[in-house]
Amino acid sequence: MADRAALMEQWFATAARDLHLTVCGEAVRGVGDRTLSGPAATPRGDAVWLRVLAVPEDLAHGPVWEGPVTSQEVTGVYRPRLMHCLTWAEHGHVVRAEVWKRIIEPACAAHETLTNDPRLPAGWWERLHASLDRLAEHPTQRMPRPPEQITVALRQAYGPDVPTRVERWVTQHGDLRWCNLTRTTPYLLDWELWGLAPAGTDAATLYCTSLLVPHVAAEVYRQFRHVLDSPDGRIAQLCVCIQLTRHPDCGPLREPLTRLAYRLLTYA
């Protein structure tokens, strides 16, 4: 079987051909070549974004696999519209091609961690809060990270005495990093992990991925202090610290995340 990168390129080309799309820019590889995405155009000239995802057949189910498709039931939130899906099986994988309406706005960051001031326009924070508030009102049974998974992760990382009981589970985006927010509106991108999560998870993700730009981190904290300072918000921050430090590309973010976790554990 061809290597993973070559397979993804093959599947991307197959998707573009079968969906009658013209690829019109460089494709972006996801972590571990799990996805390959890039700008394209329909025969009518409509700007779209083609995202191809491939997972082993036994993993093609559950909240993360279903997230992008089921996110279309959420209303009143700034997000791209899923226009079409095409799914097939090949080489022991299930491949799904998603065609999204392309958002003609740059993301706030090119990578998961913020390294520069995104220079947000007036009203940006208000519009983000409006989207998150509407999302919180949406009823769902989706829970990408269930309580038992969170408890195990927290105790493995911080010991048996760490608080793990979550009082409020709220519908959230689940992966609110700066690369998943656009700089103008803002649109919320990449909906694989949306669903119920400890209150403050989105705020914690945005805050933790801001720590290399202290004045932006301070603004995130100011915007979301009411939930970040709650017991659930502190648990959410510890969970995000674990997720980010496990990432192979954590790099310089590791030290401020370690300091943050220490402060949170000392407070607890």
C-alpha atoms as a PDB file:
ATOM      1  CA  MET A   1       0.000   0.000   0.000  1.00  0.00           C
ATOM      2  CA  ALA A   2       1.228   3.515  -0.782  1.00  0.00           C
ATOM      3  CA  ASP A   3       2.417   5.704   2.083  1.00  0.00           C
ATOM      4  CA  ARG A   4      -0.148   7.788   3.927  1.00  0.00           C
ATOM      5  CA  ALA A   5       0.750  11.138   2.340  1.00  0.00           C
ATOM      6  CA  ALA A   6       0.539   9.696  -1.169  1.00  0.00           C
ATOM      7  CA  LEU A   7      -2.801   8.055  -0.405  1.00  0.00           C
ATOM      8  CA  MET A   8      -4.247  11.319   0.860  1.00  0.00           C
ATOM      9  CA  GLU A   9      -3.135  13.086  -2.311  1.00  0.00           C
ATOM     10  CA  GLN A  10      -4.731  10.322  -4.376  1.00  0.00           C
ATOM     11  CA  TRP A  11      -7.996  10.527  -2.431  1.00  0.00           C
ATOM     12  CA  PHE A  12      -8.013  14.319  -2.638  1.00  0.00           C
ATOM     13  CA  ALA A  13      -7.651  14.137  -6.424  1.00  0.00           C
ATOM     14  CA  THR A  14     -10.386  11.489  -6.605  1.00  0.00           C
ATOM     15  CA  ALA A  15     -12.736  13.655  -4.556  1.00  0.00           C
ATOM     16  CA  ALA A  16     -12.105  16.714  -6.715  1.00  0.00           C
ATOM     17  CA  ARG A  17     -12.726  14.701  -9.883  1.00  0.00           C
ATOM     18  CA  ASP A  18     -15.887  12.957  -8.681  1.00  0.00           C
ATOM     19  CA  LEU A  19     -17.339  16.157  -7.227  1.00  0.00           C
ATOM     20  CA  HIS A  20     -16.498  18.133 -10.396  1.00  0.00           C
ATOM     21  CA  LEU A  21     -14.312  20.613  -8.530  1.00  0.00           C
ATOM     22  CA  THR A  22     -11.300  22.533  -9.756  1.00  0.00           C
ATOM     23  CA  VAL A  23      -8.562  22.755  -7.136  1.00  0.00           C
ATOM     24  CA  CYS A  24      -7.276  26.330  -7.098  1.00  0.00           C
ATOM     25  CA  GLY A  25      -4.645  26.521  -4.397  1.00  0.00           C
ATOM     26  CA  GLU A  26      -2.214  24.607  -2.222  1.00  0.00           C
ATOM     27  CA  ALA A  27      -3.682  21.856  -0.040  1.00  0.00           C
ATOM     28  CA  VAL A  28      -3.068  21.863   3.714  1.00  0.00           C
ATOM     29  CA  ARG A  29      -2.155  18.648   5.520  1.00  0.00           C
ATOM     30  CA  GLY A  30      -3.700  17.809   8.874  1.00  0.00           C
ATOM     31  CA  VAL A  31      -1.809  16.304  11.799  1.00  0.00           C
ATOM     32  CA  GLY A  32      -0.552  12.833  10.898  1.00  0.00           C
ATOM     33  CA  ASP A  33      -1.911  13.205   7.359  1.00  0.00           C
ATOM     34  CA  ARG A  34      -5.368  12.441   8.719  1.00  0.00           C
ATOM     35  CA  THR A  35      -6.866  15.169   6.524  1.00  0.00           C
ATOM     36  CA  LEU A  36      -5.987  17.052   3.372  1.00  0.00           C
ATOM     37  CA  SER A  37      -7.851  20.273   2.601  1.00  0.00           C
ATOM     38  CA  GLY A  38      -7.674  23.095   0.138  1.00  0.00           C
ATOM     39  CA  PRO A  39      -9.499  25.760  -1.880  1.00  0.00           C
ATOM     40  CA  ALA A  40     -11.511  24.717  -4.907  1.00  0.00           C
ATOM     41  CA  ALA A  41     -14.218  26.004  -7.227  1.00  0.00           C
ATOM     42  CA  THR A  42     -17.444  24.516  -8.558  1.00  0.00           C
ATOM     43  CA  PRO A  43     -18.241  24.456 -12.299  1.00  0.00           C
ATOM     44  CA  ARG A  44     -20.270  27.654 -11.691  1.00  0.00           C
ATOM     45  CA  GLY A  45     -17.264  29.329 -10.131  1.00  0.00           C
ATOM     46  CA  ASP A  46     -18.482  29.194  -6.513  1.00  0.00           C
ATOM     47  CA  ALA A  47     -15.613  29.307  -4.015  1.00  0.00           C
ATOM     48  CA  VAL A  48     -15.565  26.184  -1.849  1.00  0.00           C
ATOM     49  CA  TRP A  49     -13.216  24.380   0.527  1.00  0.00           C
ATOM     50  CA  LEU A  50     -12.571  20.679  -0.090  1.00  0.00           C
ATOM     51  CA  ARG A  51     -11.688  18.671   2.996  1.00  0.00           C
ATOM     52  CA  VAL A  52     -10.806  14.986   2.694  1.00  0.00           C
ATOM     53  CA  LEU A  53     -10.687  12.886   5.855  1.00  0.00           C
ATOM     54  CA  ALA A  54      -9.604   9.220   6.018  1.00  0.00           C
ATOM     55  CA  VAL A  55      -9.726   6.924   9.046  1.00  0.00           C
ATOM     56  CA  PRO A  56      -9.408   3.144   9.508  1.00  0.00           C
ATOM     57  CA  GLU A  57     -12.733   1.398   8.944  1.00  0.00           C
ATOM     58  CA  ASP A  58     -13.180   0.553  12.642  1.00  0.00           C
ATOM     59  CA  LEU A  59     -12.880   4.254  13.593  1.00  0.00           C
ATOM     60  CA  ALA A  60     -15.431   5.624  11.119  1.00  0.00           C
ATOM     61  CA  HIS A  61     -18.094   6.226  13.763  1.00  0.00           C
ATOM     62  CA  GLY A  62     -18.690   8.155  16.955  1.00  0.00           C
ATOM     63  CA  PRO A  63     -18.769  11.838  17.892  1.00  0.00           C
ATOM     64  CA  VAL A  64     -15.504  12.947  16.282  1.00  0.00           C
ATOM     65  CA  TRP A  65     -16.239  11.261  12.939  1.00  0.00           C
ATOM     66  CA  GLU A  66     -19.807  12.572  12.931  1.00  0.00           C
ATOM     67  CA  GLY A  67     -19.003  16.075  14.208  1.00  0.00           C
ATOM     68  CA  PRO A  68     -18.631  18.042  10.966  1.00  0.00           C
ATOM     69  CA  VAL A  69     -21.844  16.593   9.526  1.00  0.00           C
ATOM     70  CA  THR A  70     -23.991  16.879  12.663  1.00  0.00           C
ATOM     71  CA  SER A  71     -22.776  20.444  13.289  1.00  0.00           C
ATOM     72  CA  GLN A  72     -25.114  21.575  10.526  1.00  0.00           C
ATOM     73  CA  GLU A  73     -28.027  21.252  12.948  1.00  0.00           C
ATOM     74  CA  VAL A  74     -26.619  24.158  15.000  1.00  0.00           C
ATOM     75  CA  THR A  75     -28.196  27.493  14.077  1.00  0.00           C
ATOM     76  CA  GLY A  76     -27.487  31.119  14.906  1.00  0.00           C
ATOM     77  CA  VAL A  77     -23.717  30.614  14.952  1.00  0.00           C
ATOM     78  CA  TYR A  78     -21.135  32.033  12.547  1.00  0.00           C
ATOM     79  CA  ARG A  79     -19.786  28.918  10.807  1.00  0.00           C
ATOM     80  CA  PRO A  80     -19.254  27.643   7.275  1.00  0.00           C
ATOM     81  CA  ARG A  81     -22.022  25.697   5.523  1.00  0.00           C
ATOM     82  CA  LEU A  82     -21.464  22.086   4.528  1.00  0.00           C
ATOM     83  CA  MET A  83     -22.631  21.812   0.918  1.00  0.00           C
ATOM     84  CA  HIS A  84     -21.953  18.190   0.037  1.00  0.00           C
ATOM     85  CA  CYS A  85     -20.372  14.945   1.289  1.00  0.00           C
ATOM     86  CA  LEU A  86     -19.011  11.939  -0.569  1.00  0.00           C
ATOM     87  CA  THR A  87     -17.935   8.787   1.293  1.00  0.00           C
ATOM     88  CA  TRP A  88     -16.228   5.605   0.089  1.00  0.00           C
ATOM     89  CA  ALA A  89     -14.055   2.743   1.401  1.00  0.00           C
ATOM     90  CA  GLU A  90     -10.574   1.966   0.103  1.00  0.00           C
ATOM     91  CA  HIS A  91      -7.354   0.372   1.412  1.00  0.00           C
ATOM     92  CA  GLY A  92      -8.973  -0.469   4.754  1.00  0.00           C
ATOM     93  CA  HIS A  93     -10.059   3.140   5.308  1.00  0.00           C
ATOM     94  CA  VAL A  94     -13.279   5.059   5.085  1.00  0.00           C
ATOM     95  CA  VAL A  95     -12.693   8.253   3.142  1.00  0.00           C
ATOM     96  CA  ARG A  96     -15.037  11.232   3.366  1.00  0.00           C
ATOM     97  CA  ALA A  97     -14.834  14.265   1.107  1.00  0.00           C
ATOM     98  CA  GLU A  98     -16.590  17.356   2.467  1.00  0.00           C
ATOM     99  CA  VAL A  99     -17.344  20.414   0.352  1.00  0.00           C
ATOM    100  CA  TRP A 100     -17.735  23.573   2.444  1.00  0.00           C
ATOM    101  CA  LYS A 101     -18.649  27.085   1.430  1.00  0.00           C
ATOM    102  CA  ARG A 102     -15.296  28.819   1.473  1.00  0.00           C
ATOM    103  CA  ILE A 103     -14.899  31.595   4.018  1.00  0.00           C
ATOM    104  CA  ILE A 104     -13.007  34.496   2.437  1.00  0.00           C
ATOM    105  CA  GLU A 105     -11.442  35.646   5.692  1.00  0.00           C
ATOM    106  CA  PRO A 106      -8.040  34.770   7.124  1.00  0.00           C
ATOM    107  CA  ALA A 107      -7.832  32.717  10.292  1.00  0.00           C
ATOM    108  CA  CYS A 108      -6.490  34.450  13.395  1.00  0.00           C
ATOM    109  CA  ALA A 109      -3.469  32.141  13.365  1.00  0.00           C
ATOM    110  CA  ALA A 110      -1.835  29.805  10.882  1.00  0.00           C
ATOM    111  CA  HIS A 111      -1.140  27.224  13.578  1.00  0.00           C
ATOM    112  CA  GLU A 112      -2.849  25.966  16.708  1.00  0.00           C
ATOM    113  CA  THR A 113      -0.872  28.238  19.037  1.00  0.00           C
ATOM    114  CA  LEU A 114      -1.044  32.020  18.773  1.00  0.00           C
ATOM    115  CA  THR A 115       2.357  33.692  18.339  1.00  0.00           C
ATOM    116  CA  ASN A 116       1.347  37.201  17.207  1.00  0.00           C
ATOM    117  CA  ASP A 117      -1.348  39.732  18.004  1.00  0.00           C
ATOM    118  CA  PRO A 118      -4.274  38.949  15.652  1.00  0.00           C
ATOM    119  CA  ARG A 119      -5.352  42.633  15.746  1.00  0.00           C
ATOM    120  CA  LEU A 120      -9.047  41.944  16.099  1.00  0.00           C
ATOM    121  CA  PRO A 121     -11.541  44.498  14.795  1.00  0.00           C
ATOM    122  CA  ALA A 122     -14.128  46.309  16.889  1.00  0.00           C
ATOM    123  CA  GLY A 123     -17.064  44.099  17.796  1.00  0.00           C
ATOM    124  CA  TRP A 124     -15.134  40.843  17.321  1.00  0.00           C
ATOM    125  CA  TRP A 125     -15.442  39.730  20.933  1.00  0.00           C
ATOM    126  CA  GLU A 126     -19.128  40.611  21.084  1.00  0.00           C
ATOM    127  CA  ARG A 127     -19.842  38.521  17.989  1.00  0.00           C
ATOM    128  CA  LEU A 128     -17.827  35.600  19.355  1.00  0.00           C
ATOM    129  CA  HIS A 129     -19.763  35.724  22.631  1.00  0.00           C
ATOM    130  CA  ALA A 130     -23.040  35.801  20.684  1.00  0.00           C
ATOM    131  CA  SER A 131     -22.077  32.653  18.757  1.00  0.00           C
ATOM    132  CA  LEU A 132     -20.942  30.823  21.884  1.00  0.00           C
ATOM    133  CA  ASP A 133     -24.107  31.809  23.745  1.00  0.00           C
ATOM    134  CA  ARG A 134     -26.290  30.487  20.919  1.00  0.00           C
ATOM    135  CA  LEU A 135     -24.252  27.301  20.772  1.00  0.00           C
ATOM    136  CA  ALA A 136     -24.673  26.811  24.522  1.00  0.00           C
ATOM    137  CA  GLU A 137     -28.449  26.881  24.036  1.00  0.00           C
ATOM    138  CA  HIS A 138     -28.382  24.049  21.507  1.00  0.00           C
ATOM    139  CA  PRO A 139     -29.535  20.706  23.010  1.00  0.00           C
ATOM    140  CA  THR A 140     -27.378  17.686  22.200  1.00  0.00           C
ATOM    141  CA  GLN A 141     -26.345  14.308  23.553  1.00  0.00           C
ATOM    142  CA  ARG A 142     -22.940  14.507  21.864  1.00  0.00           C
ATOM    143  CA  MET A 143     -20.080  14.151  24.352  1.00  0.00           C
ATOM    144  CA  PRO A 144     -16.720  13.687  22.588  1.00  0.00           C
ATOM    145  CA  ARG A 145     -14.859  13.522  25.913  1.00  0.00           C
ATOM    146  CA  PRO A 146     -17.051  11.759  28.520  1.00  0.00           C
ATOM    147  CA  PRO A 147     -16.612  12.210  32.296  1.00  0.00           C
ATOM    148  CA  GLU A 148     -14.732   8.953  32.806  1.00  0.00           C
ATOM    149  CA  GLN A 149     -12.177   9.894  30.137  1.00  0.00           C
ATOM    150  CA  ILE A 150     -11.627  13.286  31.761  1.00  0.00           C
ATOM    151  CA  THR A 151     -11.258  11.736  35.224  1.00  0.00           C
ATOM    152  CA  VAL A 152      -8.660   9.228  34.030  1.00  0.00           C
ATOM    153  CA  ALA A 153      -6.662  11.886  32.172  1.00  0.00           C
ATOM    154  CA  LEU A 154      -6.651  14.293  35.122  1.00  0.00           C
ATOM    155  CA  ARG A 155      -5.605  11.653  37.669  1.00  0.00           C
ATOM    156  CA  GLN A 156      -2.874  10.266  35.429  1.00  0.00           C
ATOM    157  CA  ALA A 157      -1.464  13.748  34.925  1.00  0.00           C
ATOM    158  CA  TYR A 158      -1.946  15.314  38.343  1.00  0.00           C
ATOM    159  CA  GLY A 159      -2.528  12.529  40.855  1.00  0.00           C
ATOM    160  CA  PRO A 160      -5.508  10.999  42.682  1.00  0.00           C
ATOM    161  CA  ASP A 161      -6.459  14.129  44.642  1.00  0.00           C
ATOM    162  CA  VAL A 162      -7.092  16.427  41.676  1.00  0.00           C
ATOM    163  CA  PRO A 163     -10.711  17.666  41.434  1.00  0.00           C
ATOM    164  CA  THR A 164     -12.552  15.874  38.620  1.00  0.00           C
ATOM    165  CA  ARG A 165     -16.253  16.414  39.322  1.00  0.00           C
ATOM    166  CA  VAL A 166     -17.861  18.611  36.662  1.00  0.00           C
ATOM    167  CA  GLU A 167     -21.109  20.311  37.680  1.00  0.00           C
ATOM    168  CA  ARG A 168     -22.099  21.964  34.395  1.00  0.00           C
ATOM    169  CA  TRP A 169     -21.843  20.386  30.957  1.00  0.00           C
ATOM    170  CA  VAL A 170     -22.469  22.933  28.209  1.00  0.00           C
ATOM    171  CA  THR A 171     -22.707  22.596  24.422  1.00  0.00           C
ATOM    172  CA  GLN A 172     -19.442  24.024  23.055  1.00  0.00           C
ATOM    173  CA  HIS A 173     -17.236  24.048  19.969  1.00  0.00           C
ATOM    174  CA  GLY A 174     -14.672  21.829  21.697  1.00  0.00           C
ATOM    175  CA  ASP A 175     -11.578  22.990  19.794  1.00  0.00           C
ATOM    176  CA  LEU A 176     -11.649  26.792  19.936  1.00  0.00           C
ATOM    177  CA  ARG A 177      -8.062  27.478  18.948  1.00  0.00           C
ATOM    178  CA  TRP A 178      -7.036  30.634  17.115  1.00  0.00           C
ATOM    179  CA  CYS A 179      -6.560  28.718  13.859  1.00  0.00           C
ATOM    180  CA  ASN A 180     -10.261  27.787  14.066  1.00  0.00           C
ATOM    181  CA  LEU A 181     -11.451  31.401  14.305  1.00  0.00           C
ATOM    182  CA  THR A 182     -11.441  33.939  11.486  1.00  0.00           C
ATOM    183  CA  ARG A 183     -10.155  37.435  12.026  1.00  0.00           C
ATOM    184  CA  THR A 184     -13.132  39.529  10.953  1.00  0.00           C
ATOM    185  CA  THR A 185     -16.549  38.016  11.682  1.00  0.00           C
ATOM    186  CA  PRO A 186     -15.424  35.641  13.434  1.00  0.00           C
ATOM    187  CA  TYR A 187     -16.443  32.334  11.853  1.00  0.00           C
ATOM    188  CA  LEU A 188     -15.943  29.159  13.896  1.00  0.00           C
ATOM    189  CA  LEU A 189     -14.157  26.470  11.852  1.00  0.00           C
ATOM    190  CA  ASP A 190     -13.512  22.723  12.318  1.00  0.00           C
ATOM    191  CA  TRP A 191     -16.476  21.204  14.160  1.00  0.00           C
ATOM    192  CA  GLU A 192     -15.253  17.659  14.840  1.00  0.00           C
ATOM    193  CA  LEU A 193     -15.324  18.024  18.631  1.00  0.00           C
ATOM    194  CA  TRP A 194     -18.484  20.051  19.187  1.00  0.00           C
ATOM    195  CA  GLY A 195     -20.837  18.838  21.893  1.00  0.00           C
ATOM    196  CA  LEU A 196     -21.177  18.767  25.667  1.00  0.00           C
ATOM    197  CA  ALA A 197     -18.035  19.698  27.580  1.00  0.00           C
ATOM    198  CA  PRO A 198     -17.189  21.088  31.033  1.00  0.00           C
ATOM    199  CA  ALA A 199     -18.326  24.711  31.291  1.00  0.00           C
ATOM    200  CA  GLY A 200     -15.437  26.927  30.208  1.00  0.00           C
ATOM    201  CA  THR A 201     -13.782  24.478  27.812  1.00  0.00           C
ATOM    202  CA  ASP A 202     -13.875  26.852  24.829  1.00  0.00           C
ATOM    203  CA  ALA A 203     -12.640  29.741  26.962  1.00  0.00           C
ATOM    204  CA  ALA A 204      -9.877  27.545  28.399  1.00  0.00           C
ATOM    205  CA  THR A 205      -8.750  26.455  24.928  1.00  0.00           C
ATOM    206  CA  LEU A 206      -8.590  30.023  23.669  1.00  0.00           C
ATOM    207  CA  TYR A 207      -6.784  31.166  26.818  1.00  0.00           C
ATOM    208  CA  CYS A 208      -4.214  28.348  26.888  1.00  0.00           C
ATOM    209  CA  THR A 209      -3.343  28.757  23.214  1.00  0.00           C
ATOM    210  CA  SER A 210      -2.787  32.511  23.833  1.00  0.00           C
ATOM    211  CA  LEU A 211      -0.154  32.190  26.528  1.00  0.00           C
ATOM    212  CA  LEU A 212       2.787  33.023  24.239  1.00  0.00           C
ATOM    213  CA  VAL A 213       1.210  36.453  23.601  1.00  0.00           C
ATOM    214  CA  PRO A 214       0.594  37.673  27.167  1.00  0.00           C
ATOM    215  CA  HIS A 215      -1.517  40.749  26.396  1.00  0.00           C
ATOM    216  CA  VAL A 216      -3.861  38.651  24.239  1.00  0.00           C
ATOM    217  CA  ALA A 217      -4.034  35.988  26.959  1.00  0.00           C
ATOM    218  CA  ALA A 218      -4.911  38.734  29.441  1.00  0.00           C
ATOM    219  CA  GLU A 219      -7.749  39.909  27.187  1.00  0.00           C
ATOM    220  CA  VAL A 220      -9.088  36.358  26.804  1.00  0.00           C
ATOM    221  CA  TYR A 221      -9.006  36.004  30.582  1.00  0.00           C
ATOM    222  CA  ARG A 222     -10.842  39.305  30.996  1.00  0.00           C
ATOM    223  CA  GLN A 223     -13.508  38.269  28.481  1.00  0.00           C
ATOM    224  CA  PHE A 224     -14.112  34.868  30.110  1.00  0.00           C
ATOM    225  CA  ARG A 225     -13.077  35.368  33.723  1.00  0.00           C
ATOM    226  CA  HIS A 226     -16.555  34.543  34.987  1.00  0.00           C
ATOM    227  CA  VAL A 227     -16.233  30.964  33.747  1.00  0.00           C
ATOM    228  CA  LEU A 228     -12.448  30.457  33.899  1.00  0.00           C
ATOM    229  CA  ASP A 229     -12.463  31.215  37.638  1.00  0.00           C
ATOM    230  CA  SER A 230     -15.268  28.731  38.343  1.00  0.00           C
ATOM    231  CA  PRO A 231     -14.524  25.176  39.573  1.00  0.00           C
ATOM    232  CA  ASP A 232     -15.596  23.763  36.201  1.00  0.00           C
ATOM    233  CA  GLY A 233     -13.493  26.358  34.400  1.00  0.00           C
ATOM    234  CA  ARG A 234     -10.403  25.362  36.365  1.00  0.00           C
ATOM    235  CA  ILE A 235     -10.996  21.703  35.496  1.00  0.00           C
ATOM    236  CA  ALA A 236     -11.434  22.726  31.855  1.00  0.00           C
ATOM    237  CA  GLN A 237      -8.092  24.560  31.903  1.00  0.00           C
ATOM    238  CA  LEU A 238      -6.328  21.533  33.390  1.00  0.00           C
ATOM    239  CA  CYS A 239      -7.852  19.339  30.680  1.00  0.00           C
ATOM    240  CA  VAL A 240      -6.649  21.695  27.959  1.00  0.00           C
ATOM    241  CA  CYS A 241      -3.168  21.792  29.511  1.00  0.00           C
ATOM    242  CA  ILE A 242      -3.051  17.995  29.252  1.00  0.00           C
ATOM    243  CA  GLN A 243      -4.258  17.968  25.639  1.00  0.00           C
ATOM    244  CA  LEU A 244      -1.794  20.626  24.497  1.00  0.00           C
ATOM    245  CA  THR A 245       1.279  19.265  26.301  1.00  0.00           C
ATOM    246  CA  ARG A 246       0.636  15.835  24.781  1.00  0.00           C
ATOM    247  CA  HIS A 247       0.844  17.360  21.308  1.00  0.00           C
ATOM    248  CA  PRO A 248       4.223  16.673  19.645  1.00  0.00           C
ATOM    249  CA  ASP A 249       4.399  20.305  18.470  1.00  0.00           C
ATOM    250  CA  CYS A 250       3.775  21.833  21.902  1.00  0.00           C
ATOM    251  CA  GLY A 251       7.227  23.467  21.857  1.00  0.00           C
ATOM    252  CA  PRO A 252       7.573  26.783  23.730  1.00  0.00           C
ATOM    253  CA  LEU A 253       3.971  26.596  24.956  1.00  0.00           C
ATOM    254  CA  ARG A 254       4.907  23.759  27.322  1.00  0.00           C
ATOM    255  CA  GLU A 255       6.521  25.977  29.973  1.00  0.00           C
ATOM    256  CA  PRO A 256       3.631  28.477  30.414  1.00  0.00           C
ATOM    257  CA  LEU A 257       1.144  25.579  30.385  1.00  0.00           C
ATOM    258  CA  THR A 258       3.116  23.874  33.156  1.00  0.00           C
ATOM    259  CA  ARG A 259       3.092  27.091  35.208  1.00  0.00           C
ATOM    260  CA  LEU A 260      -0.645  27.511  34.646  1.00  0.00           C
ATOM    261  CA  ALA A 261      -1.383  23.934  35.740  1.00  0.00           C
ATOM    262  CA  TYR A 262       0.686  24.482  38.898  1.00  0.00           C
ATOM    263  CA  ARG A 263      -1.272  27.638  39.764  1.00  0.00           C
ATOM    264  CA  LEU A 264      -4.585  25.864  39.170  1.00  0.00           C
ATOM    265  CA  LEU A 265      -3.587  22.883  41.323  1.00  0.00           C
ATOM    266  CA  THR A 266      -2.302  25.164  44.075  1.00  0.00           C
ATOM    267  CA  TYR A 267      -5.615  27.047  44.021  1.00  0.00           C
ATOM    268  CA  ALA A 268      -7.552  23.760  44.226  1.00  0.00           C
END
